[in-house]
Amino acid sequence: MSKFFAMAALVGATAVAGCTQGINPTDTDRALIGAGVGATIASVSGENAIKGAAIGGAAGALCNDVRLCE
C-alpha cells in the first residue's frame, strides 16, 4: 500500500467524518462513514478496498479523540 493512498484515505475519512457536526455522531457513526470513504478511495485508486475500509474506519472512529472532527 502506498503512502499516498494511506494518507488520502486518512484525510478523506477524517474530513467526511467531521461533516456530522450537527447530529452528535457516535464513534460507530464516524467509523462507518470513514470505512465507506476509505473503501471508495481504495477502489478508485486500484488498491484493496478492505484495507482502505480498515484505515478509513479507524480514522473516522478516532478523529474526535485527536480533536480533528469536533
Protein backbone atom coordinates (compact mmCIF):
# COMPACT_ATOMS: atom_id res chain seq x y z
CA MET A 1 0.00 0.00 0.00
CA SER A 2 1.46 3.33 -1.00
CA LYS A 3 1.91 6.17 1.43
CA PHE A 4 -0.19 8.41 -0.83
CA PHE A 5 -3.14 6.02 -0.63
CA ALA A 6 -2.88 5.73 3.15
CA MET A 7 -2.76 9.50 3.58
CA ALA A 8 -5.63 10.07 1.13
CA ALA A 9 -7.81 7.57 2.99
CA LEU A 10 -6.93 9.06 6.35
CA VAL A 11 -7.55 12.66 5.29
CA GLY A 12 -10.72 11.80 3.37
CA ALA A 13 -12.21 9.78 6.20
CA THR A 14 -11.40 12.46 8.74
CA ALA A 15 -12.85 15.21 6.56
CA VAL A 16 -16.10 13.39 5.87
CA ALA A 17 -16.49 12.18 9.43
CA GLY A 18 -16.15 15.79 10.54
CA CYS A 19 -19.22 16.70 8.45
CA THR A 20 -21.52 15.11 11.03
CA GLN A 21 -21.25 18.07 13.39
CA GLY A 22 -24.96 18.86 13.72
CA ILE A 23 -26.17 15.34 14.55
CA ASN A 24 -23.96 14.39 17.51
CA PRO A 25 -22.44 11.27 15.91
CA THR A 26 -21.05 8.35 17.86
CA ASP A 27 -17.72 6.64 17.23
CA THR A 28 -19.63 3.97 15.31
CA ASP A 29 -21.22 6.56 13.01
CA ARG A 30 -17.85 8.13 12.26
CA ALA A 31 -16.24 4.71 11.76
CA LEU A 32 -18.89 3.68 9.24
CA ILE A 33 -18.52 6.93 7.31
CA GLY A 34 -14.74 6.61 7.37
CA ALA A 35 -14.87 2.99 6.22
CA GLY A 36 -17.05 3.96 3.28
CA VAL A 37 -14.73 6.77 2.27
CA GLY A 38 -11.63 4.61 2.68
CA ALA A 39 -13.09 1.77 0.62
CA THR A 40 -14.17 4.18 -2.11
CA ILE A 41 -10.75 5.84 -2.33
CA ALA A 42 -9.09 2.43 -2.41
CA SER A 43 -11.38 1.11 -5.11
CA VAL A 44 -10.94 4.18 -7.30
CA SER A 45 -7.16 4.09 -6.93
CA GLY A 46 -6.97 0.36 -7.70
CA GLU A 47 -5.95 -0.70 -4.20
CA ASN A 48 -7.53 -3.22 -1.82
CA ALA A 49 -10.93 -1.91 -0.69
CA ILE A 50 -10.84 -3.94 2.54
CA LYS A 51 -7.58 -2.31 3.63
CA GLY A 52 -8.98 1.08 2.65
CA ALA A 53 -12.10 0.47 4.72
CA ALA A 54 -9.99 -0.56 7.71
CA ILE A 55 -7.83 2.57 7.50
CA GLY A 56 -10.82 4.83 6.93
CA GLY A 57 -12.85 3.24 9.70
CA ALA A 58 -10.02 3.67 12.19
CA ALA A 59 -9.50 7.28 11.13
CA GLY A 60 -13.21 8.05 11.42
CA ALA A 61 -13.59 6.43 14.82
CA LEU A 62 -10.52 8.10 16.27
CA CYS A 63 -10.75 11.55 14.68
CA ASN A 64 -12.56 13.06 17.67
CA ASP A 65 -10.05 11.55 20.09
CA VAL A 66 -7.26 13.59 18.48
CA ARG A 67 -9.59 16.62 18.17
CA LEU A 68 -9.74 16.71 14.36
CA CYS A 69 -13.51 16.46 13.93
CA GLU A 70 -15.14 18.06 16.92
